[in-house]
Protein backbone atom coordinates (compact mmCIF):
# COMPACT_ATOMS: atom_id res chain seq x y z
CA UNK A 1 131.35 169.54 8.09
CA UNK A 2 134.49 171.55 8.64
CA UNK A 3 137.82 171.20 6.78
CA UNK A 4 139.65 169.95 10.31
CA UNK A 5 136.86 167.00 10.58
CA UNK A 6 137.46 166.11 6.83
CA UNK A 7 140.76 166.26 7.36
CA UNK A 8 140.35 163.59 10.62
CA UNK A 9 137.48 161.00 8.75
CA UNK A 10 140.32 161.62 5.99
CA UNK A 11 142.57 159.78 8.26
CA UNK A 12 140.45 157.65 9.44
CA UNK A 13 139.77 155.80 6.51
CA UNK A 14 143.46 155.58 5.81
CA UNK A 15 143.80 153.92 9.08
CA UNK A 16 140.75 151.59 8.23
CA UNK A 17 142.69 150.41 5.07
CA UNK A 18 145.86 150.08 6.95
CA UNK A 19 144.37 147.87 9.38
CA UNK A 20 142.00 146.17 6.40
CA UNK A 21 144.41 146.20 3.06
CA UNK A 22 141.85 144.33 1.14
CA UNK A 23 139.33 147.62 0.65
CA UNK A 24 142.28 149.68 0.88
CA UNK A 25 141.07 150.08 -3.15
CA UNK A 26 137.58 150.63 -2.56
CA UNK A 27 136.17 154.24 -1.87
CA UNK A 28 134.93 154.68 1.65
CA UNK A 29 131.99 156.75 2.09
CA UNK A 30 131.47 158.54 5.94
CA UNK A 31 128.54 156.39 6.28
CA UNK A 32 129.04 152.98 5.59
CA UNK A 33 129.41 150.37 8.52
CA UNK A 34 132.73 149.11 9.21
CA UNK A 35 131.37 146.11 10.76
CA UNK A 36 128.37 144.97 8.21
CA UNK A 37 129.84 146.95 5.10
CA UNK A 38 133.49 146.87 4.90
CA UNK A 39 134.33 143.76 7.14
CA UNK A 40 136.16 144.89 10.02
CA UNK A 41 135.59 142.07 13.13
CA UNK A 42 136.61 142.09 16.51
CA UNK A 43 140.21 142.13 16.29
CA UNK A 44 140.46 144.78 13.00
CA UNK A 45 138.55 147.25 15.13
CA UNK A 46 140.90 146.81 18.26
CA UNK A 47 143.77 147.12 16.11
CA UNK A 48 141.98 150.52 14.40
CA UNK A 49 141.09 151.42 18.33
CA UNK A 50 144.97 151.82 19.28
CA UNK A 51 145.93 152.95 15.68
CA UNK A 52 143.04 156.07 16.16
CA UNK A 53 144.62 156.82 19.87
CA UNK A 54 147.82 156.82 18.46
CA UNK A 55 147.37 158.79 15.65
CA UNK A 56 145.27 161.78 17.25
CA UNK A 57 146.33 161.67 20.53
CA UNK A 58 142.54 160.71 21.66
CA UNK A 59 141.36 158.61 24.22
CA UNK A 60 138.43 156.28 21.67
CA UNK A 61 137.10 153.93 24.07
CA UNK A 62 136.05 151.40 21.59
CA UNK A 63 133.34 149.61 24.37
CA UNK A 64 131.84 152.93 24.84
CA UNK A 65 131.63 153.31 20.67
CA UNK A 66 130.57 149.93 20.05
CA UNK A 67 127.34 150.23 23.14
CA UNK A 68 125.67 153.15 20.97
CA UNK A 69 126.07 150.85 17.39
CA UNK A 70 122.36 151.40 17.75
CA UNK A 71 122.16 154.76 17.73
CA UNK A 72 125.17 155.16 14.86
CA UNK A 73 125.27 151.53 12.98
CA UNK A 74 128.93 151.56 13.79
CA UNK A 75 129.49 154.51 10.35
CA UNK A 76 133.07 155.91 9.63
CA UNK A 77 131.58 158.81 10.56
CA UNK A 78 130.74 158.09 14.17
CA UNK A 79 134.34 157.27 14.57
CA UNK A 80 135.38 160.78 13.40
CA UNK A 81 133.00 162.56 15.35
CA UNK A 82 134.03 160.05 18.80
CA UNK A 83 137.18 161.22 18.17
CA UNK A 84 136.62 164.94 17.52
CA UNK A 85 135.10 164.86 20.85
CA UNK A 86 137.86 162.72 22.24
CA UNK A 87 140.58 165.38 21.33
CA UNK A 88 140.76 168.19 23.95
CA UNK A 89 144.52 169.04 23.75
């Protein structure tokens, strides 16, 4: 993982903590599932995707990301990968 992607990952973790303040004190790992392990529900995911799109100027497509959940298990790292792939500014 490059420094840029580490920065992206750190910013996504910060956004997750904003959306779900109850986990703000937890150490979040890239391989953790935002749904199964961190407890984000569908509304939280929608809020997270909007914040990602706003903060990164990316087109994070929540529906596409969810459709591929069997492959990436909705991990934090999979969000960072989708953002990196979608931000071509």
